Amino acid sequence: MEGEMKRKFVRAYGRRLRLVLKSKLNGRNKIMAMNTWVVALLRYGAGVLKWTKDEIAAMDCKIRKLMTLYGALHPRSDNHRLYLPREKGGRGLISCEGCIRTEENSLGWYVKNSVEPLLQQVAKTGVIETERCETKENFKKKAVEELEKAGIDKKMYGQYNRDLGKEVDREKTWW
């Protein structure tokens, strides 16, 4: 029944996403609505359903595609900036992959540190991965650092104009 549950999640996910994007909210409030109502739907089944990387990537792609269709995202905008927190210069959207991996980590951390005998037995069976689990704060910090590292290598529009002290190497530029 796992395949049927995944289809139900994806269908409800798409319906909620379209409702938020059709609304007359501004950009910041649309992102907040997507984080609290759309992406949060995945949290319910994150530790129970086993999502593949392809399925998660398809859902993230669906978000970006629908955001572009509804005018909430420019087609050439940077994907890393979309998922960075607003404090770091991003848009603050929670990615499907980040949401699911965070919930799996939290569930593993809870099972690993539980004193309940049944949960200790679950930890021994290996059904829920508890070996690489860490605190929620450390996990989030690492995820943000990875996004920042991925985005650092890219030059933003007009960056060479802001670096007045540096000379632009004409051979390395696209024109």
Protein backbone atom coordinates (compact mmCIF):
# COMPACT_ATOMS: atom_id res chain seq x y z
CA MET A 1 0.00 0.00 0.00
CA GLU A 2 3.05 2.25 0.09
CA GLY A 3 2.72 3.18 -3.59
CA GLU A 4 -0.93 4.14 -3.13
CA MET A 5 -0.10 6.28 -0.11
CA LYS A 6 2.65 8.05 -2.04
CA ARG A 7 0.23 8.82 -4.88
CA LYS A 8 -2.27 10.25 -2.39
CA PHE A 9 0.41 12.41 -0.80
CA VAL A 10 1.59 13.72 -4.18
CA ARG A 11 -1.99 14.43 -5.32
CA ALA A 12 -2.86 16.33 -2.12
CA TYR A 13 0.51 18.08 -2.30
CA GLY A 14 -0.15 19.33 -5.84
CA ARG A 15 -3.68 20.45 -4.96
CA ARG A 16 -2.51 22.45 -1.95
CA LEU A 17 0.37 23.94 -3.93
CA ARG A 18 -1.95 25.19 -6.67
CA LEU A 19 -4.34 26.71 -4.13
CA VAL A 20 -1.54 28.68 -2.48
CA LEU A 21 -0.08 29.83 -5.79
CA LYS A 22 -3.51 30.96 -7.08
CA SER A 23 -4.02 33.13 -4.01
CA LYS A 24 -3.41 36.88 -4.04
CA LEU A 25 -0.73 36.71 -1.36
CA ASN A 26 2.58 38.51 -1.77
CA GLY A 27 5.79 36.53 -2.32
CA ARG A 28 6.86 36.24 1.30
CA ASN A 29 3.42 35.12 2.46
CA LYS A 30 3.16 32.58 -0.36
CA ILE A 31 6.45 31.03 0.77
CA MET A 32 5.22 30.99 4.37
CA ALA A 33 1.96 29.35 3.29
CA MET A 34 3.84 26.77 1.27
CA ASN A 35 6.10 25.97 4.22
CA THR A 36 3.28 25.65 6.73
CA TRP A 37 0.54 24.04 4.66
CA VAL A 38 2.01 22.43 1.52
CA VAL A 39 5.47 21.14 2.40
CA ALA A 40 4.36 20.23 5.92
CA LEU A 41 2.05 17.61 4.40
CA LEU A 42 5.15 15.54 3.69
CA ARG A 43 6.11 15.50 7.36
CA TYR A 44 3.28 13.11 8.23
CA GLY A 45 4.62 10.28 6.13
CA ALA A 46 8.32 11.16 6.09
CA GLY A 47 9.55 8.59 8.60
CA VAL A 48 7.12 5.87 7.56
CA LEU A 49 7.15 5.99 3.75
CA LYS A 50 10.45 5.34 2.00
CA TRP A 51 10.87 8.06 -0.61
CA THR A 52 13.49 7.62 -3.31
CA LYS A 53 15.73 10.49 -4.39
CA ASP A 54 14.01 10.57 -7.79
CA GLU A 55 10.56 10.94 -6.22
CA ILE A 56 11.74 13.72 -3.94
CA ALA A 57 13.53 15.51 -6.79
CA ALA A 58 10.36 15.25 -8.90
CA MET A 59 8.33 16.92 -6.14
CA ASP A 60 10.88 19.72 -5.78
CA CYS A 61 10.83 20.16 -9.54
CA LYS A 62 7.03 20.28 -9.47
CA ILE A 63 7.16 23.10 -6.91
CA ARG A 64 9.55 25.15 -9.05
CA LYS A 65 7.59 24.46 -12.24
CA LEU A 66 4.27 25.52 -10.75
CA MET A 67 5.85 28.56 -9.12
CA THR A 68 7.15 29.57 -12.54
CA LEU A 69 3.76 28.99 -14.19
CA TYR A 70 1.99 31.13 -11.58
CA GLY A 71 4.60 33.90 -11.72
CA ALA A 72 6.09 33.32 -8.27
CA LEU A 73 9.53 32.34 -9.58
CA HIS A 74 11.58 33.49 -12.54
CA PRO A 75 12.57 30.64 -14.89
CA ARG A 76 16.27 31.50 -14.65
CA SER A 77 16.45 32.12 -10.93
CA ASP A 78 18.86 30.21 -8.75
CA ASN A 79 17.47 27.09 -7.06
CA HIS A 80 19.92 27.29 -4.15
CA ARG A 81 18.73 30.79 -3.29
CA LEU A 82 15.12 29.61 -3.28
CA TYR A 83 15.85 27.18 -0.45
CA LEU A 84 18.22 29.38 1.59
CA PRO A 85 16.73 31.00 4.72
CA ARG A 86 15.64 34.62 4.38
CA GLU A 87 18.29 35.69 6.91
CA LYS A 88 20.98 34.37 4.54
CA GLY A 89 19.60 36.17 1.48
CA GLY A 90 17.33 33.41 0.20
CA ARG A 91 13.58 33.02 -0.19
CA GLY A 92 13.14 30.62 2.72
CA LEU A 93 11.25 27.76 1.04
CA ILE A 94 11.64 24.37 2.66
CA SER A 95 12.66 21.81 0.04
CA CYS A 96 10.92 18.45 -0.05
CA GLU A 97 14.25 16.71 0.36
CA GLY A 98 15.18 18.86 3.33
CA CYS A 99 11.79 18.34 4.96
CA ILE A 100 11.83 14.56 4.57
CA ARG A 101 15.47 14.17 5.62
CA THR A 102 14.91 16.40 8.66
CA GLU A 103 11.93 14.33 9.78
CA GLU A 104 13.81 11.05 9.25
CA ASN A 105 16.70 12.44 11.30
CA SER A 106 14.36 13.62 14.08
CA LEU A 107 12.59 10.26 14.21
CA GLY A 108 15.91 8.42 14.35
CA TRP A 109 17.18 10.74 17.09
CA TYR A 110 14.01 10.18 19.12
CA VAL A 111 14.22 6.39 18.78
CA LYS A 112 17.95 6.39 19.55
CA ASN A 113 17.56 8.41 22.77
CA SER A 114 14.33 6.83 23.98
CA VAL A 115 14.14 4.92 27.25
CA GLU A 116 11.01 3.03 26.20
CA PRO A 117 11.72 -0.72 25.86
CA LEU A 118 9.73 -1.06 22.64
CA LEU A 119 11.54 1.81 20.96
CA GLN A 120 14.87 0.39 22.09
CA GLN A 121 13.93 -2.85 20.33
CA VAL A 122 13.04 -0.89 17.19
CA ALA A 123 16.46 0.78 17.35
CA LYS A 124 18.15 -2.64 17.55
CA THR A 125 16.26 -4.00 14.53
CA GLY A 126 17.51 -1.24 12.26
CA VAL A 127 14.09 -0.42 10.76
CA ILE A 128 14.72 3.22 11.55
CA GLU A 129 18.26 4.44 10.98
CA THR A 130 19.69 5.71 14.24
CA GLU A 131 23.44 5.56 13.62
CA ARG A 132 23.95 8.83 11.75
CA CYS A 133 21.25 10.82 13.56
CA GLU A 134 22.14 14.09 15.23
CA THR A 135 20.39 16.91 17.02
CA LYS A 136 17.90 18.98 15.06
CA GLU A 137 19.96 22.15 15.37
CA ASN A 138 23.14 20.52 14.05
CA PHE A 139 21.26 18.89 11.19
CA LYS A 140 19.69 22.20 10.10
CA LYS A 141 23.01 24.03 10.42
CA LYS A 142 24.73 21.48 8.16
CA ALA A 143 21.93 21.69 5.58
CA VAL A 144 22.18 25.50 5.40
CA GLU A 145 25.98 25.31 5.13
CA GLU A 146 25.69 22.87 2.21
CA LEU A 147 23.29 25.21 0.41
CA GLU A 148 25.60 28.17 1.02
CA LYS A 149 28.61 26.25 -0.32
CA ALA A 150 26.69 25.23 -3.43
CA GLY A 151 25.62 28.81 -4.04
CA ILE A 152 29.00 30.43 -3.37
CA ASP A 153 30.55 29.10 -6.57
CA LYS A 154 27.95 30.87 -8.70
CA LYS A 155 28.34 34.49 -9.66
CA MET A 156 25.33 36.69 -9.23
CA TYR A 157 24.32 39.19 -11.89
CA GLY A 158 26.48 42.29 -11.70
CA GLN A 159 28.95 40.78 -9.27
CA TYR A 160 31.95 41.85 -11.32
CA ASN A 161 30.75 45.48 -11.12
CA ARG A 162 30.59 45.34 -7.32
CA ASP A 163 34.15 44.08 -7.03
CA LEU A 164 35.70 47.41 -7.97
CA GLY A 165 39.13 46.50 -6.69
CA LYS A 166 39.39 43.38 -8.86
CA GLU A 167 40.12 43.25 -12.53
CA VAL A 168 37.80 41.22 -14.76
CA ASP A 169 39.57 38.56 -16.81
CA ARG A 170 38.00 38.82 -20.27
CA GLU A 171 38.93 35.24 -21.17
CA LYS A 172 36.88 33.82 -18.28
CA THR A 173 33.76 35.90 -18.89
CA TRP A 174 30.95 34.70 -21.13
CA TRP A 175 31.07 37.62 -23.57
